[in-house]
C-alpha atoms as a PDB file:
ATOM      1  CA  UNK A   1     -21.866-164.987 -57.779  1.00  0.00           C
ATOM      2  CA  UNK A   2     -23.348-168.498 -57.815  1.00  0.00           C
ATOM      3  CA  UNK A   3     -27.126-168.612 -58.304  1.00  0.00           C
ATOM      4  CA  UNK A   4     -29.222-171.104 -56.352  1.00  0.00           C
ATOM      5  CA  UNK A   5     -32.928-171.410 -57.087  1.00  0.00           C
ATOM      6  CA  UNK A   6     -35.506-171.545 -54.322  1.00  0.00           C
ATOM      7  CA  UNK A   7     -38.648-173.697 -54.137  1.00  0.00           C
ATOM      8  CA  UNK A   8     -40.926-170.925 -55.418  1.00  0.00           C
ATOM      9  CA  UNK A   9     -38.722-170.337 -58.462  1.00  0.00           C
ATOM     10  CA  UNK A  10     -38.521-174.055 -59.195  1.00  0.00           C
ATOM     11  CA  UNK A  11     -42.299-174.393 -58.975  1.00  0.00           C
ATOM     12  CA  UNK A  12     -42.799-171.512 -61.425  1.00  0.00           C
ATOM     13  CA  UNK A  13     -40.182-172.923 -63.786  1.00  0.00           C
ATOM     14  CA  UNK A  14     -41.648-176.432 -63.869  1.00  0.00           C
ATOM     15  CA  UNK A  15     -45.167-175.043 -64.232  1.00  0.00           C
ATOM     16  CA  UNK A  16     -44.128-173.120 -67.359  1.00  0.00           C
ATOM     17  CA  UNK A  17     -42.299-176.127 -68.819  1.00  0.00           C
ATOM     18  CA  UNK A  18     -45.506-178.152 -68.394  1.00  0.00           C
ATOM     19  CA  UNK A  19     -47.874-175.454 -69.691  1.00  0.00           C
ATOM     20  CA  UNK A  20     -45.767-174.428 -72.693  1.00  0.00           C
ATOM     21  CA  UNK A  21     -44.088-177.673 -73.745  1.00  0.00           C
ATOM     22  CA  UNK A  22     -46.030-180.490 -72.052  1.00  0.00           C
ATOM     23  CA  UNK A  23     -43.082-181.894 -70.081  1.00  0.00           C
ATOM     24  CA  UNK A  24     -44.047-182.704 -66.497  1.00  0.00           C
ATOM     25  CA  UNK A  25     -41.095-182.799 -64.090  1.00  0.00           C
ATOM     26  CA  UNK A  26     -43.138-181.958 -60.986  1.00  0.00           C
ATOM     27  CA  UNK A  27     -42.807-185.427 -59.434  1.00  0.00           C
ATOM     28  CA  UNK A  28     -39.093-185.832 -60.058  1.00  0.00           C
ATOM     29  CA  UNK A  29     -36.901-186.072 -56.968  1.00  0.00           C
ATOM     30  CA  UNK A  30     -36.742-182.531 -55.564  1.00  0.00           C
ATOM     31  CA  UNK A  31     -33.079-182.683 -54.573  1.00  0.00           C
ATOM     32  CA  UNK A  32     -32.038-184.083 -57.937  1.00  0.00           C
ATOM     33  CA  UNK A  33     -33.892-181.536 -60.055  1.00  0.00           C
ATOM     34  CA  UNK A  34     -32.708-178.569 -57.939  1.00  0.00           C
ATOM     35  CA  UNK A  35     -29.121-179.777 -58.282  1.00  0.00           C
ATOM     36  CA  UNK A  36     -29.422-180.186 -62.039  1.00  0.00           C
ATOM     37  CA  UNK A  37     -31.154-176.848 -62.657  1.00  0.00           C
ATOM     38  CA  UNK A  38     -28.501-175.050 -60.601  1.00  0.00           C
ATOM     39  CA  UNK A  39     -25.809-176.862 -62.569  1.00  0.00           C
ATOM     40  CA  UNK A  40     -27.365-175.838 -65.903  1.00  0.00           C
ATOM     41  CA  UNK A  41     -27.627-172.187 -64.850  1.00  0.00           C
ATOM     42  CA  UNK A  42     -23.953-172.277 -63.875  1.00  0.00           C
ATOM     43  CA  UNK A  43     -22.822-174.150 -67.016  1.00  0.00           C
ATOM     44  CA  UNK A  44     -24.580-171.731 -69.366  1.00  0.00           C
ATOM     45  CA  UNK A  45     -23.483-168.691 -67.326  1.00  0.00           C
ATOM     46  CA  UNK A  46     -26.860-167.058 -66.774  1.00  0.00           C
ATOM     47  CA  UNK A  47     -26.453-163.918 -64.653  1.00  0.00           C
ATOM     48  CA  UNK A  48     -29.813-164.473 -62.931  1.00  0.00           C
ATOM     49  CA  UNK A  49     -32.609-167.009 -62.548  1.00  0.00           C
ATOM     50  CA  UNK A  50     -34.988-164.561 -64.303  1.00  0.00           C
ATOM     51  CA  UNK A  51     -32.888-164.613 -67.479  1.00  0.00           C
ATOM     52  CA  UNK A  52     -32.624-168.401 -67.403  1.00  0.00           C
ATOM     53  CA  UNK A  53     -36.403-168.673 -66.897  1.00  0.00           C
ATOM     54  CA  UNK A  54     -37.094-166.246 -69.747  1.00  0.00           C
ATOM     55  CA  UNK A  55     -34.787-168.145 -72.126  1.00  0.00           C
ATOM     56  CA  UNK A  56     -36.503-171.426 -71.333  1.00  0.00           C
ATOM     57  CA  UNK A  57     -39.991-169.946 -71.776  1.00  0.00           C
ATOM     58  CA  UNK A  58     -39.230-168.296 -75.122  1.00  0.00           C
ATOM     59  CA  UNK A  59     -36.708-170.587 -76.816  1.00  0.00           C
ATOM     60  CA  UNK A  60     -38.026-174.028 -77.757  1.00  0.00           C
ATOM     61  CA  UNK A  61     -34.547-175.102 -78.885  1.00  0.00           C
ATOM     62  CA  UNK A  62     -33.172-174.352 -75.430  1.00  0.00           C
ATOM     63  CA  UNK A  63     -35.795-176.728 -74.028  1.00  0.00           C
ATOM     64  CA  UNK A  64     -33.848-179.587 -75.661  1.00  0.00           C
ATOM     65  CA  UNK A  65     -30.786-178.532 -73.682  1.00  0.00           C
ATOM     66  CA  UNK A  66     -32.882-178.353 -70.504  1.00  0.00           C
ATOM     67  CA  UNK A  67     -34.347-181.837 -70.997  1.00  0.00           C
ATOM     68  CA  UNK A  68     -30.883-183.205 -71.766  1.00  0.00           C
ATOM     69  CA  UNK A  69     -29.489-181.865 -68.491  1.00  0.00           C
ATOM     70  CA  UNK A  70     -32.472-182.686 -66.272  1.00  0.00           C
ATOM     71  CA  UNK A  71     -32.761-186.289 -67.442  1.00  0.00           C
ATOM     72  CA  UNK A  72     -29.867-188.585 -66.602  1.00  0.00           C
ATOM     73  CA  UNK A  73     -28.099-190.348 -69.475  1.00  0.00           C
ATOM     74  CA  UNK A  74     -25.336-192.311 -67.765  1.00  0.00           C
ATOM     75  CA  UNK A  75     -25.146-195.915 -68.920  1.00  0.00           C
ATOM     76  CA  UNK A  76     -22.789-198.590 -70.238  1.00  0.00           C
ATOM     77  CA  UNK A  77     -22.922-201.926 -72.029  1.00  0.00           C
ATOM     78  CA  UNK A  78     -23.476-205.002 -69.845  1.00  0.00           C
ATOM     79  CA  UNK A  79     -23.597-202.727 -66.809  1.00  0.00           C
ATOM     80  CA  UNK A  80     -23.503-204.824 -63.614  1.00  0.00           C
ATOM     81  CA  UNK A  81     -22.406-208.120 -65.256  1.00  0.00           C
ATOM     82  CA  UNK A  82     -24.106-210.259 -62.588  1.00  0.00           C
ATOM     83  CA  UNK A  83     -27.436-208.722 -63.631  1.00  0.00           C
ATOM     84  CA  UNK A  84     -26.829-209.740 -67.242  1.00  0.00           C
ATOM     85  CA  UNK A  85     -25.742-213.211 -66.137  1.00  0.00           C
ATOM     86  CA  UNK A  86     -29.138-213.545 -64.417  1.00  0.00           C
ATOM     87  CA  UNK A  87     -30.894-212.424 -67.618  1.00  0.00           C
ATOM     88  CA  UNK A  88     -28.918-214.976 -69.651  1.00  0.00           C
ATOM     89  CA  UNK A  89     -29.513-217.876 -67.277  1.00  0.00           C
ATOM     90  CA  UNK A  90     -32.978-217.174 -65.876  1.00  0.00           C
ATOM     91  CA  UNK A  91     -35.043-214.809 -68.039  1.00  0.00           C
ATOM     92  CA  UNK A  92     -33.996-215.514 -71.625  1.00  0.00           C
ATOM     93  CA  UNK A  93     -34.626-219.291 -71.370  1.00  0.00           C
ATOM     94  CA  UNK A  94     -38.136-218.547 -70.043  1.00  0.00           C
ATOM     95  CA  UNK A  95     -39.093-216.220 -72.907  1.00  0.00           C
ATOM     96  CA  UNK A  96     -37.377-218.357 -75.582  1.00  0.00           C
ATOM     97  CA  UNK A  97     -40.503-220.412 -76.272  1.00  0.00           C
ATOM     98  CA  UNK A  98     -42.575-217.355 -77.208  1.00  0.00           C
ATOM     99  CA  UNK A  99     -43.462-217.178 -80.920  1.00  0.00           C
ATOM    100  CA  UNK A 100     -42.467-213.502 -80.882  1.00  0.00           C
ATOM    101  CA  UNK A 101     -40.467-211.655 -78.210  1.00  0.00           C
ATOM    102  CA  UNK A 102     -41.089-208.002 -77.333  1.00  0.00           C
ATOM    103  CA  UNK A 103     -38.790-206.226 -74.881  1.00  0.00           C
ATOM    104  CA  UNK A 104     -39.118-202.619 -73.691  1.00  0.00           C
ATOM    105  CA  UNK A 105     -36.090-200.614 -72.549  1.00  0.00           C
ATOM    106  CA  UNK A 106     -37.756-197.628 -70.858  1.00  0.00           C
ATOM    107  CA  UNK A 107     -35.515-194.629 -70.217  1.00  0.00           C
ATOM    108  CA  UNK A 108     -32.937-196.190 -72.532  1.00  0.00           C
ATOM    109  CA  UNK A 109     -30.543-193.187 -72.495  1.00  0.00           C
ATOM    110  CA  UNK A 110     -28.002-193.599 -75.318  1.00  0.00           C
ATOM    111  CA  UNK A 111     -28.850-197.254 -75.871  1.00  0.00           C
ATOM    112  CA  UNK A 112     -25.887-199.229 -74.553  1.00  0.00           C
ATOM    113  CA  UNK A 113     -28.120-201.578 -72.564  1.00  0.00           C
ATOM    114  CA  UNK A 114     -30.422-202.108 -75.549  1.00  0.00           C
ATOM    115  CA  UNK A 115     -27.507-203.291 -77.664  1.00  0.00           C
ATOM    116  CA  UNK A 116     -26.362-205.499 -74.785  1.00  0.00           C
ATOM    117  CA  UNK A 117     -29.759-207.218 -74.840  1.00  0.00           C
ATOM    118  CA  UNK A 118     -29.707-207.558 -78.634  1.00  0.00           C
ATOM    119  CA  UNK A 119     -26.315-209.299 -78.419  1.00  0.00           C
ATOM    120  CA  UNK A 120     -27.597-211.746 -75.789  1.00  0.00           C
ATOM    121  CA  UNK A 121     -30.695-212.542 -77.859  1.00  0.00           C
ATOM    122  CA  UNK A 122     -28.492-213.140 -80.896  1.00  0.00           C
ATOM    123  CA  UNK A 123     -26.291-215.532 -78.924  1.00  0.00           C
ATOM    124  CA  UNK A 124     -29.391-217.380 -77.693  1.00  0.00           C
ATOM    125  CA  UNK A 125     -30.638-217.746 -81.285  1.00  0.00           C
ATOM    126  CA  UNK A 126     -33.662-215.548 -80.570  1.00  0.00           C
ATOM    127  CA  UNK A 127     -32.897-212.193 -82.210  1.00  0.00           C
ATOM    128  CA  UNK A 128     -34.640-213.142 -85.465  1.00  0.00           C
ATOM    129  CA  UNK A 129     -38.001-213.289 -83.660  1.00  0.00           C
ATOM    130  CA  UNK A 130     -37.453-210.353 -81.301  1.00  0.00           C
ATOM    131  CA  UNK A 131     -38.141-206.623 -81.268  1.00  0.00           C
ATOM    132  CA  UNK A 132     -36.531-204.296 -78.749  1.00  0.00           C
ATOM    133  CA  UNK A 133     -38.370-201.041 -78.077  1.00  0.00           C
ATOM    134  CA  UNK A 134     -35.988-198.310 -76.894  1.00  0.00           C
ATOM    135  CA  UNK A 135     -37.671-195.214 -75.478  1.00  0.00           C
ATOM    136  CA  UNK A 136     -36.572-192.073 -73.670  1.00  0.00           C
ATOM    137  CA  UNK A 137     -37.968-188.612 -72.996  1.00  0.00           C
ATOM    138  CA  UNK A 138     -34.868-187.064 -74.583  1.00  0.00           C
ATOM    139  CA  UNK A 139     -34.995-187.029 -78.434  1.00  0.00           C
ATOM    140  CA  UNK A 140     -31.226-186.616 -78.870  1.00  0.00           C
ATOM    141  CA  UNK A 141     -30.337-189.789 -76.937  1.00  0.00           C
ATOM    142  CA  UNK A 142     -33.075-191.726 -78.760  1.00  0.00           C
ATOM    143  CA  UNK A 143     -31.413-190.692 -82.021  1.00  0.00           C
ATOM    144  CA  UNK A 144     -28.034-191.888 -80.736  1.00  0.00           C
ATOM    145  CA  UNK A 145     -29.583-195.253 -79.899  1.00  0.00           C
ATOM    146  CA  UNK A 146     -31.026-195.458 -83.409  1.00  0.00           C
ATOM    147  CA  UNK A 147     -27.611-194.798 -84.996  1.00  0.00           C
ATOM    148  CA  UNK A 148     -25.771-197.327 -82.801  1.00  0.00           C
ATOM    149  CA  UNK A 149     -22.581-195.247 -82.823  1.00  0.00           C
ATOM    150  CA  UNK A 150     -20.453-195.135 -79.675  1.00  0.00           C
ATOM    151  CA  UNK A 151     -16.979-194.131 -78.552  1.00  0.00           C
ATOM    152  CA  UNK A 152     -14.189-196.607 -79.290  1.00  0.00           C
ATOM    153  CA  UNK A 153     -12.562-195.634 -75.987  1.00  0.00           C
ATOM    154  CA  UNK A 154     -15.305-197.474 -74.052  1.00  0.00           C
ATOM    155  CA  UNK A 155     -15.098-200.767 -75.940  1.00  0.00           C
ATOM    156  CA  UNK A 156     -12.402-202.348 -73.782  1.00  0.00           C
ATOM    157  CA  UNK A 157     -14.486-201.806 -70.632  1.00  0.00           C
ATOM    158  CA  UNK A 158     -17.634-203.006 -72.403  1.00  0.00           C
ATOM    159  CA  UNK A 159     -15.818-206.110 -73.628  1.00  0.00           C
ATOM    160  CA  UNK A 160     -14.731-206.906 -70.051  1.00  0.00           C
ATOM    161  CA  UNK A 161     -18.338-206.472 -68.850  1.00  0.00           C
ATOM    162  CA  UNK A 162     -19.551-208.709 -71.682  1.00  0.00           C
ATOM    163  CA  UNK A 163     -17.123-211.515 -70.770  1.00  0.00           C
ATOM    164  CA  UNK A 164     -17.938-211.174 -67.044  1.00  0.00           C
ATOM    165  CA  UNK A 165     -21.645-211.535 -67.882  1.00  0.00           C
ATOM    166  CA  UNK A 166     -21.070-214.872 -69.647  1.00  0.00           C
ATOM    167  CA  UNK A 167     -20.308-213.715 -73.185  1.00  0.00           C
ATOM    168  CA  UNK A 168     -18.297-216.280 -75.142  1.00  0.00           C
ATOM    169  CA  UNK A 169     -17.660-214.585 -78.491  1.00  0.00           C
ATOM    170  CA  UNK A 170     -15.226-211.937 -79.673  1.00  0.00           C
ATOM    171  CA  UNK A 171     -17.008-208.734 -78.602  1.00  0.00           C
ATOM    172  CA  UNK A 172     -15.416-206.758 -81.437  1.00  0.00           C
ATOM    173  CA  UNK A 173     -17.258-208.930 -83.971  1.00  0.00           C
ATOM    174  CA  UNK A 174     -20.439-207.006 -83.100  1.00  0.00           C
ATOM    175  CA  UNK A 175     -19.217-203.646 -84.371  1.00  0.00           C
ATOM    176  CA  UNK A 176     -17.035-201.930 -86.968  1.00  0.00           C
ATOM    177  CA  UNK A 177     -14.476-199.360 -85.826  1.00  0.00           C
ATOM    178  CA  UNK A 178     -13.590-196.185 -87.692  1.00  0.00           C
ATOM    179  CA  UNK A 179     -11.224-193.644 -86.181  1.00  0.00           C
ATOM    180  CA  UNK A 180     -12.426-193.034 -82.604  1.00  0.00           C
ATOM    181  CA  UNK A 181     -15.983-194.356 -83.083  1.00  0.00           C
ATOM    182  CA  UNK A 182     -17.669-197.712 -83.565  1.00  0.00           C
ATOM    183  CA  UNK A 183     -20.973-198.594 -85.205  1.00  0.00           C
ATOM    184  CA  UNK A 184     -22.847-201.719 -84.169  1.00  0.00           C
ATOM    185  CA  UNK A 185     -23.868-204.251 -86.794  1.00  0.00           C
ATOM    186  CA  UNK A 186     -27.031-203.931 -88.873  1.00  0.00           C
ATOM    187  CA  UNK A 187     -28.365-207.252 -87.561  1.00  0.00           C
ATOM    188  CA  UNK A 188     -28.599-205.636 -84.093  1.00  0.00           C
ATOM    189  CA  UNK A 189     -29.767-202.178 -85.140  1.00  0.00           C
ATOM    190  CA  UNK A 190     -32.590-203.411 -87.355  1.00  0.00           C
ATOM    191  CA  UNK A 191     -34.226-205.166 -84.392  1.00  0.00           C
ATOM    192  CA  UNK A 192     -34.361-201.986 -82.279  1.00  0.00           C
ATOM    193  CA  UNK A 193     -37.351-199.618 -82.556  1.00  0.00           C
ATOM    194  CA  UNK A 194     -36.517-196.180 -81.134  1.00  0.00           C
ATOM    195  CA  UNK A 195     -39.049-193.605 -80.010  1.00  0.00           C
ATOM    196  CA  UNK A 196     -39.524-190.751 -77.576  1.00  0.00           C
ATOM    197  CA  UNK A 197     -41.795-191.701 -74.680  1.00  0.00           C
ATOM    198  CA  UNK A 198     -42.550-189.803 -71.495  1.00  0.00           C
ATOM    199  CA  UNK A 199     -42.971-192.158 -68.539  1.00  0.00           C
ATOM    200  CA  UNK A 200     -44.759-189.389 -66.642  1.00  0.00           C
ATOM    201  CA  UNK A 201     -47.559-188.707 -69.114  1.00  0.00           C
ATOM    202  CA  UNK A 202     -47.597-191.289 -71.929  1.00  0.00           C
ATOM    203  CA  UNK A 203     -49.546-194.531 -71.853  1.00  0.00           C
ATOM    204  CA  UNK A 204     -48.746-198.153 -72.493  1.00  0.00           C
ATOM    205  CA  UNK A 205     -48.232-198.863 -76.210  1.00  0.00           C
ATOM    206  CA  UNK A 206     -47.763-202.653 -76.386  1.00  0.00           C
ATOM    207  CA  UNK A 207     -47.593-205.865 -74.357  1.00  0.00           C
ATOM    208  CA  UNK A 208     -44.131-207.133 -73.432  1.00  0.00           C
ATOM    209  CA  UNK A 209     -42.472-210.240 -72.026  1.00  0.00           C
ATOM    210  CA  UNK A 210     -39.681-208.178 -70.432  1.00  0.00           C
ATOM    211  CA  UNK A 211     -39.457-204.520 -69.372  1.00  0.00           C
ATOM    212  CA  UNK A 212     -36.167-202.979 -68.259  1.00  0.00           C
ATOM    213  CA  UNK A 213     -35.997-199.556 -66.607  1.00  0.00           C
ATOM    214  CA  UNK A 214     -32.691-199.347 -64.782  1.00  0.00           C
ATOM    215  CA  UNK A 215     -31.504-196.374 -62.753  1.00  0.00           C
ATOM    216  CA  UNK A 216     -34.348-194.098 -63.828  1.00  0.00           C
ATOM    217  CA  UNK A 217     -36.810-194.401 -60.932  1.00  0.00           C
ATOM    218  CA  UNK A 218     -34.215-193.204 -58.392  1.00  0.00           C
ATOM    219  CA  UNK A 219     -34.674-189.717 -59.862  1.00  0.00           C
ATOM    220  CA  UNK A 220     -38.459-189.768 -59.286  1.00  0.00           C
ATOM    221  CA  UNK A 221     -40.376-189.267 -56.051  1.00  0.00           C
ATOM    222  CA  UNK A 222     -42.362-192.180 -54.586  1.00  0.00           C
ATOM    223  CA  UNK A 223     -45.675-191.082 -56.136  1.00  0.00           C
ATOM    224  CA  UNK A 224     -44.198-190.999 -59.631  1.00  0.00           C
ATOM    225  CA  UNK A 225     -42.291-194.249 -59.087  1.00  0.00           C
ATOM    226  CA  UNK A 226     -45.557-195.981 -58.204  1.00  0.00           C
ATOM    227  CA  UNK A 227     -47.280-194.459 -61.228  1.00  0.00           C
ATOM    228  CA  UNK A 228     -44.540-195.696 -63.557  1.00  0.00           C
ATOM    229  CA  UNK A 229     -44.565-199.183 -62.019  1.00  0.00           C
ATOM    230  CA  UNK A 230     -48.323-199.345 -62.637  1.00  0.00           C
ATOM    231  CA  UNK A 231     -47.688-198.366 -66.265  1.00  0.00           C
ATOM    232  CA  UNK A 232     -45.162-201.194 -66.560  1.00  0.00           C
ATOM    233  CA  UNK A 233     -47.563-203.625 -64.893  1.00  0.00           C
ATOM    234  CA  UNK A 234     -50.234-202.727 -67.453  1.00  0.00           C
ATOM    235  CA  UNK A 235     -47.683-203.251 -70.248  1.00  0.00           C
ATOM    236  CA  UNK A 236     -46.391-206.627 -69.067  1.00  0.00           C
ATOM    237  CA  UNK A 237     -48.001-209.895 -70.081  1.00  0.00           C
ATOM    238  CA  UNK A 238     -48.841-212.633 -67.570  1.00  0.00           C
ATOM    239  CA  UNK A 239     -45.632-214.262 -66.244  1.00  0.00           C
ATOM    240  CA  UNK A 240     -43.586-211.431 -67.773  1.00  0.00           C
ATOM    241  CA  UNK A 241     -40.427-209.995 -66.211  1.00  0.00           C
ATOM    242  CA  UNK A 242     -39.584-206.525 -64.897  1.00  0.00           C
ATOM    243  CA  UNK A 243     -36.002-205.374 -64.248  1.00  0.00           C
ATOM    244  CA  UNK A 244     -34.941-202.296 -62.282  1.00  0.00           C
ATOM    245  CA  UNK A 245     -31.630-200.733 -61.240  1.00  0.00           C
ATOM    246  CA  UNK A 246     -29.509-201.930 -58.333  1.00  0.00           C
ATOM    247  CA  UNK A 247     -30.797-199.220 -55.953  1.00  0.00           C
ATOM    248  CA  UNK A 248     -34.436-199.468 -57.039  1.00  0.00           C
ATOM    249  CA  UNK A 249     -37.328-201.572 -55.755  1.00  0.00           C
ATOM    250  CA  UNK A 250     -41.031-202.153 -56.259  1.00  0.00           C
ATOM    251  CA  UNK A 251     -41.635-203.278 -52.660  1.00  0.00           C
ATOM    252  CA  UNK A 252     -43.483-200.066 -51.700  1.00  0.00           C
ATOM    253  CA  UNK A 253     -45.754-200.163 -54.762  1.00  0.00           C
ATOM    254  CA  UNK A 254     -49.343-201.368 -55.012  1.00  0.00           C
ATOM    255  CA  UNK A 255     -48.263-203.744 -57.803  1.00  0.00           C
ATOM    256  CA  UNK A 256     -45.670-205.535 -55.641  1.00  0.00           C
ATOM    257  CA  UNK A 257     -48.003-208.351 -54.400  1.00  0.00           C
ATOM    258  CA  UNK A 258     -48.446-209.430 -58.036  1.00  0.00           C
ATOM    259  CA  UNK A 259     -44.724-210.174 -58.425  1.00  0.00           C
ATOM    260  CA  UNK A 260     -41.986-212.310 -56.935  1.00  0.00           C
ATOM    261  CA  UNK A 261     -38.280-211.460 -57.057  1.00  0.00           C
ATOM    262  CA  UNK A 262     -35.814-213.809 -58.743  1.00  0.00           C
ATOM    263  CA  UNK A 263     -32.749-214.238 -56.561  1.00  0.00           C
ATOM    264  CA  UNK A 264     -30.594-211.285 -55.522  1.00  0.00           C
ATOM    265  CA  UNK A 265     -30.831-209.270 -58.735  1.00  0.00           C
ATOM    266  CA  UNK A 266     -33.520-206.609 -59.197  1.00  0.00           C
ATOM    267  CA  UNK A 267     -35.616-208.781 -61.490  1.00  0.00           C
ATOM    268  CA  UNK A 268     -39.241-209.611 -60.732  1.00  0.00           C
ATOM    269  CA  UNK A 269     -41.674-211.995 -62.403  1.00  0.00           C
ATOM    270  CA  UNK A 270     -45.368-211.371 -62.688  1.00  0.00           C
ATOM    271  CA  UNK A 271     -47.463-214.051 -61.011  1.00  0.00           C
ATOM    272  CA  UNK A 272     -50.243-216.016 -62.678  1.00  0.00           C
END
């Protein structure tokens, strides 16, 4: 029999996750979190919600599995090539004059978009004076970003995205292949600082010229979206840039009047 949690059970579950482990999922999109909890219960074949709840409360290792399933880690390199074309042509030339460039990839998942940015900075002659901060709530995907190891099967698609975004080099020159995996070059990996960071509860930790958080806010409710956008606003220097996913916006947020959108892509610039 398929188990489906009710609102009372979800509230109790999330309350325990917050009290015991400090992870606050209470402002995540209700429909999304219900769907993902139900999926996890089904995947791991729990006979009842009570047994699932007990396992989560008493097994800190199982929490890692829970966080992995609740947070969304779907990404690809040069995802939405027109977005990356806009970064190449509009944003990167604007930040090029900075003596040091700091970029934050918030909710970086497994890091494909971070490496995409590192490649573009290298091609613009800016990687030597750049640091890319890659953060996510999920420690296992942060570790994957740090290693820079990805499936060889995806490289053809990523290469096509790279070319469509304006890339002019041989994409395979950026990684070494071994069996069914690839590892990206040291020159890229050494410019990426990886860390766990919880957008719900953690504070700003630096000042950036560009913040990217793509396809993360769609899983939060409006209150939490606004809270996160205010965190980004506090972390962005004057005239800095903020980039969101294709279905995301800052128009409803209190910070919106301080920004103007650049063209059709979901990229905003902070006003003077």
